[in-house]
Amino acid sequence: MINDVTPAVPPGAGQAAQKAAQAAGGGGVSFGEFLSQALDKVNAAQVKADETIKGFLAGEVDDLHQVVVAMKEAEIWMQLTVQTRNKLVEAYQEIFRMPV
């Protein structure tokens, strides 16, 4: 699916630049893993909001504030996800329009 993005180092670059690029690319989480973790957080917020709403309707949760906070949290996570997707699509389209 999504491959790791490795930093490009020019062939004539010094050893310090090559070591810095290797350190930057080898020690972190890949973009695909980061994206997957972020989507898992969004899903968890949605599930938590659904469970809180069901608990409120069943009479298990008495505090309406908890329900509203869970719903707003899920809404904010979803808005962040949609905006991130929009920026990624926009960047892809911009790259696609670049002349070769």
N, C-alpha and C. Protein backbone atom coordinates (compact mmCIF):
# COMPACT_ATOMS: atom_id res chain seq x y z
N MET A 1 0.83 -1.18 0.00
CA MET A 1 0.00 0.00 0.00
C MET A 1 0.88 1.25 0.00
N ILE A 2 1.19 1.78 1.17
CA ILE A 2 1.99 3.00 1.26
C ILE A 2 3.41 2.61 1.64
N ASN A 3 4.35 3.04 0.83
CA ASN A 3 5.75 2.73 1.10
C ASN A 3 6.37 3.82 1.96
N ASP A 4 7.47 3.46 2.65
CA ASP A 4 8.19 4.43 3.46
C ASP A 4 8.78 5.50 2.56
N VAL A 5 8.80 6.71 3.05
CA VAL A 5 9.41 7.81 2.35
C VAL A 5 10.81 7.99 2.91
N THR A 6 11.81 7.88 2.04
CA THR A 6 13.19 8.04 2.49
C THR A 6 13.72 9.36 1.97
N PRO A 7 14.49 10.07 2.79
CA PRO A 7 15.02 11.34 2.34
C PRO A 7 16.06 11.15 1.24
N ALA A 8 16.06 12.06 0.29
CA ALA A 8 17.01 11.99 -0.82
C ALA A 8 18.27 12.76 -0.46
N VAL A 9 19.41 12.15 -0.70
CA VAL A 9 20.70 12.78 -0.45
C VAL A 9 21.44 12.80 -1.78
N PRO A 10 21.91 13.97 -2.19
CA PRO A 10 22.64 14.04 -3.45
C PRO A 10 23.89 13.18 -3.41
N PRO A 11 24.32 12.61 -4.56
CA PRO A 11 25.47 11.73 -4.58
C PRO A 11 26.75 12.39 -4.07
N GLY A 12 26.92 13.70 -4.26
CA GLY A 12 28.14 14.37 -3.84
C GLY A 12 28.08 14.89 -2.41
N ALA A 13 27.03 14.57 -1.68
CA ALA A 13 26.88 15.09 -0.32
C ALA A 13 27.90 14.45 0.61
N GLY A 14 28.24 15.19 1.64
CA GLY A 14 29.22 14.70 2.60
C GLY A 14 28.66 13.59 3.46
N GLN A 15 29.55 12.95 4.23
CA GLN A 15 29.13 11.85 5.08
C GLN A 15 28.20 12.32 6.18
N ALA A 16 28.36 13.54 6.66
CA ALA A 16 27.49 14.05 7.71
C ALA A 16 26.05 14.16 7.23
N ALA A 17 25.87 14.63 5.99
CA ALA A 17 24.52 14.74 5.44
C ALA A 17 23.89 13.37 5.24
N GLN A 18 24.69 12.41 4.79
CA GLN A 18 24.18 11.05 4.59
C GLN A 18 23.79 10.42 5.92
N LYS A 19 24.61 10.60 6.96
CA LYS A 19 24.28 10.05 8.28
C LYS A 19 23.03 10.70 8.85
N ALA A 20 22.88 12.00 8.66
CA ALA A 20 21.69 12.70 9.15
C ALA A 20 20.44 12.19 8.44
N ALA A 21 20.54 11.95 7.14
CA ALA A 21 19.39 11.43 6.38
C ALA A 21 19.03 10.02 6.83
N GLN A 22 20.04 9.20 7.11
CA GLN A 22 19.78 7.84 7.59
C GLN A 22 19.14 7.88 8.97
N ALA A 23 19.61 8.76 9.84
CA ALA A 23 19.06 8.87 11.18
C ALA A 23 17.62 9.35 11.13
N ALA A 24 17.34 10.29 10.25
CA ALA A 24 15.98 10.82 10.13
C ALA A 24 15.03 9.78 9.56
N GLY A 25 15.48 8.99 8.62
CA GLY A 25 14.60 8.04 7.96
C GLY A 25 14.47 6.71 8.66
N GLY A 26 15.44 6.34 9.48
CA GLY A 26 15.44 5.01 10.05
C GLY A 26 14.88 4.89 11.45
N GLY A 27 14.72 6.00 12.17
CA GLY A 27 14.36 5.88 13.57
C GLY A 27 12.90 6.12 13.88
N GLY A 28 12.13 6.60 12.94
CA GLY A 28 10.77 6.99 13.24
C GLY A 28 9.74 6.02 12.71
N VAL A 29 8.50 6.44 12.83
CA VAL A 29 7.37 5.67 12.35
C VAL A 29 7.14 6.04 10.89
N SER A 30 6.83 5.06 10.06
CA SER A 30 6.58 5.36 8.66
C SER A 30 5.27 6.15 8.52
N PHE A 31 5.13 6.81 7.39
CA PHE A 31 3.94 7.62 7.15
C PHE A 31 2.68 6.77 7.17
N GLY A 32 2.76 5.58 6.59
CA GLY A 32 1.61 4.68 6.57
C GLY A 32 1.19 4.26 7.97
N GLU A 33 2.18 3.96 8.82
CA GLU A 33 1.87 3.58 10.20
C GLU A 33 1.28 4.74 10.97
N PHE A 34 1.84 5.95 10.76
CA PHE A 34 1.33 7.14 11.42
C PHE A 34 -0.12 7.40 11.02
N LEU A 35 -0.40 7.29 9.74
CA LEU A 35 -1.75 7.50 9.23
C LEU A 35 -2.72 6.46 9.80
N SER A 36 -2.26 5.22 9.86
CA SER A 36 -3.10 4.16 10.42
C SER A 36 -3.41 4.40 11.89
N GLN A 37 -2.41 4.83 12.65
CA GLN A 37 -2.62 5.13 14.07
C GLN A 37 -3.60 6.29 14.25
N ALA A 38 -3.47 7.31 13.41
CA ALA A 38 -4.37 8.46 13.49
C ALA A 38 -5.80 8.06 13.18
N LEU A 39 -5.98 7.22 12.17
CA LEU A 39 -7.33 6.76 11.84
C LEU A 39 -7.91 5.87 12.93
N ASP A 40 -7.06 5.11 13.60
CA ASP A 40 -7.52 4.31 14.74
C ASP A 40 -8.02 5.22 15.87
N LYS A 41 -7.33 6.34 16.09
CA LYS A 41 -7.77 7.29 17.12
C LYS A 41 -9.12 7.91 16.76
N VAL A 42 -9.30 8.22 15.49
CA VAL A 42 -10.58 8.78 15.04
C VAL A 42 -11.69 7.76 15.26
N ASN A 43 -11.42 6.52 14.89
CA ASN A 43 -12.42 5.47 15.07
C ASN A 43 -12.73 5.27 16.55
N ALA A 44 -11.71 5.30 17.41
CA ALA A 44 -11.93 5.13 18.84
C ALA A 44 -12.79 6.26 19.41
N ALA A 45 -12.58 7.49 18.93
CA ALA A 45 -13.40 8.61 19.38
C ALA A 45 -14.84 8.44 18.94
N GLN A 46 -15.05 7.96 17.71
CA GLN A 46 -16.41 7.72 17.21
C GLN A 46 -17.11 6.63 18.03
N VAL A 47 -16.39 5.56 18.31
CA VAL A 47 -16.96 4.45 19.09
C VAL A 47 -17.29 4.92 20.50
N LYS A 48 -16.39 5.70 21.10
CA LYS A 48 -16.63 6.22 22.45
C LYS A 48 -17.87 7.10 22.47
N ALA A 49 -18.03 7.96 21.46
CA ALA A 49 -19.21 8.83 21.40
C ALA A 49 -20.48 7.99 21.25
N ASP A 50 -20.44 6.97 20.39
CA ASP A 50 -21.61 6.10 20.22
C ASP A 50 -21.97 5.38 21.51
N GLU A 51 -20.96 4.86 22.21
CA GLU A 51 -21.21 4.15 23.47
C GLU A 51 -21.76 5.10 24.53
N THR A 52 -21.25 6.32 24.56
CA THR A 52 -21.73 7.30 25.54
C THR A 52 -23.18 7.68 25.25
N ILE A 53 -23.52 7.85 23.99
CA ILE A 53 -24.90 8.16 23.62
C ILE A 53 -25.83 7.01 23.99
N LYS A 54 -25.41 5.79 23.66
CA LYS A 54 -26.24 4.62 24.01
C LYS A 54 -26.40 4.49 25.52
N GLY A 55 -25.33 4.76 26.25
CA GLY A 55 -25.41 4.71 27.71
C GLY A 55 -26.34 5.78 28.26
N PHE A 56 -26.33 6.95 27.67
CA PHE A 56 -27.23 8.02 28.11
C PHE A 56 -28.68 7.65 27.83
N LEU A 57 -28.94 7.10 26.64
CA LEU A 57 -30.31 6.71 26.29
C LEU A 57 -30.81 5.55 27.13
N ALA A 58 -29.88 4.69 27.56
CA ALA A 58 -30.26 3.55 28.40
C ALA A 58 -30.36 3.93 29.87
N GLY A 59 -29.94 5.14 30.21
CA GLY A 59 -30.01 5.58 31.59
C GLY A 59 -28.78 5.23 32.41
N GLU A 60 -27.73 4.71 31.76
CA GLU A 60 -26.51 4.34 32.47
C GLU A 60 -25.62 5.56 32.73
N VAL A 61 -25.69 6.55 31.87
CA VAL A 61 -24.90 7.77 32.02
C VAL A 61 -25.87 8.90 32.37
N ASP A 62 -25.65 9.49 33.54
CA ASP A 62 -26.55 10.56 33.99
C ASP A 62 -26.08 11.94 33.58
N ASP A 63 -24.81 12.08 33.30
CA ASP A 63 -24.24 13.38 33.03
C ASP A 63 -24.30 13.69 31.53
N LEU A 64 -25.14 14.64 31.17
CA LEU A 64 -25.27 15.04 29.77
C LEU A 64 -23.98 15.68 29.27
N HIS A 65 -23.23 16.27 30.17
CA HIS A 65 -21.96 16.91 29.80
C HIS A 65 -21.00 15.89 29.19
N GLN A 66 -20.93 14.68 29.73
CA GLN A 66 -20.06 13.62 29.19
C GLN A 66 -20.47 13.28 27.75
N VAL A 67 -21.75 13.24 27.51
CA VAL A 67 -22.24 12.90 26.18
C VAL A 67 -21.85 13.99 25.17
N VAL A 68 -22.05 15.24 25.55
CA VAL A 68 -21.73 16.35 24.65
C VAL A 68 -20.23 16.42 24.38
N VAL A 69 -19.43 16.21 25.42
CA VAL A 69 -17.97 16.25 25.25
C VAL A 69 -17.51 15.13 24.33
N ALA A 70 -18.04 13.94 24.51
CA ALA A 70 -17.65 12.81 23.65
C ALA A 70 -18.06 13.05 22.20
N MET A 71 -19.24 13.64 22.00
CA MET A 71 -19.70 13.92 20.65
C MET A 71 -18.83 15.00 19.99
N LYS A 72 -18.50 16.05 20.74
CA LYS A 72 -17.66 17.13 20.19
C LYS A 72 -16.26 16.62 19.89
N GLU A 73 -15.73 15.78 20.76
CA GLU A 73 -14.40 15.22 20.52
C GLU A 73 -14.39 14.41 19.23
N ALA A 74 -15.40 13.58 19.04
CA ALA A 74 -15.48 12.78 17.81
C ALA A 74 -15.65 13.69 16.60
N GLU A 75 -16.43 14.76 16.74
CA GLU A 75 -16.64 15.69 15.63
C GLU A 75 -15.33 16.40 15.26
N ILE A 76 -14.56 16.81 16.25
CA ILE A 76 -13.29 17.49 15.98
C ILE A 76 -12.30 16.55 15.31
N TRP A 77 -12.23 15.30 15.79
CA TRP A 77 -11.34 14.32 15.16
C TRP A 77 -11.73 14.10 13.71
N MET A 78 -13.03 14.04 13.45
CA MET A 78 -13.49 13.82 12.08
C MET A 78 -13.17 15.02 11.19
N GLN A 79 -13.35 16.23 11.72
CA GLN A 79 -13.01 17.42 10.96
C GLN A 79 -11.52 17.46 10.64
N LEU A 80 -10.70 17.09 11.61
CA LEU A 80 -9.25 17.04 11.38
C LEU A 80 -8.91 16.03 10.29
N THR A 81 -9.56 14.88 10.32
CA THR A 81 -9.31 13.85 9.33
C THR A 81 -9.71 14.32 7.93
N VAL A 82 -10.85 14.95 7.82
CA VAL A 82 -11.33 15.44 6.52
C VAL A 82 -10.39 16.53 5.99
N GLN A 83 -9.98 17.44 6.85
CA GLN A 83 -9.08 18.51 6.41
C GLN A 83 -7.72 17.94 5.99
N THR A 84 -7.23 16.95 6.71
CA THR A 84 -5.96 16.31 6.35
C THR A 84 -6.09 15.62 5.00
N ARG A 85 -7.20 14.92 4.80
CA ARG A 85 -7.44 14.28 3.51
C ARG A 85 -7.48 15.30 2.38
N ASN A 86 -8.16 16.42 2.63
CA ASN A 86 -8.25 17.47 1.62
C ASN A 86 -6.87 18.01 1.26
N LYS A 87 -6.03 18.22 2.26
CA LYS A 87 -4.68 18.72 2.00
C LYS A 87 -3.85 17.70 1.24
N LEU A 88 -3.99 16.43 1.57
CA LEU A 88 -3.25 15.39 0.85
C LEU A 88 -3.69 15.30 -0.61
N VAL A 89 -4.97 15.37 -0.85
CA VAL A 89 -5.49 15.33 -2.22
C VAL A 89 -5.02 16.56 -2.99
N GLU A 90 -5.06 17.72 -2.34
CA GLU A 90 -4.60 18.95 -2.98
C GLU A 90 -3.11 18.86 -3.33
N ALA A 91 -2.30 18.32 -2.42
CA ALA A 91 -0.87 18.16 -2.69
C ALA A 91 -0.64 17.18 -3.84
N TYR A 92 -1.39 16.08 -3.85
CA TYR A 92 -1.27 15.11 -4.94
C TYR A 92 -1.61 15.75 -6.28
N GLN A 93 -2.69 16.52 -6.31
CA GLN A 93 -3.09 17.17 -7.55
C GLN A 93 -2.04 18.18 -8.01
N GLU A 94 -1.46 18.88 -7.06
CA GLU A 94 -0.41 19.86 -7.40
C GLU A 94 0.81 19.15 -7.98
N ILE A 95 1.20 18.04 -7.40
CA ILE A 95 2.33 17.27 -7.92
C ILE A 95 1.99 16.71 -9.29
N PHE A 96 0.78 16.26 -9.48
CA PHE A 96 0.35 15.70 -10.76
C PHE A 96 0.40 16.74 -11.87
N ARG A 97 0.15 18.02 -11.52
CA ARG A 97 0.16 19.08 -12.51
C ARG A 97 1.56 19.59 -12.85
N MET A 98 2.56 19.17 -12.13
CA MET A 98 3.93 19.64 -12.38
C MET A 98 4.42 19.13 -13.74
N PRO A 99 5.07 20.00 -14.49
CA PRO A 99 5.62 19.54 -15.76
C PRO A 99 6.86 18.68 -15.52
N VAL A 100 7.06 17.72 -16.39
CA VAL A 100 8.20 16.82 -16.23
C VAL A 100 9.39 17.30 -17.00
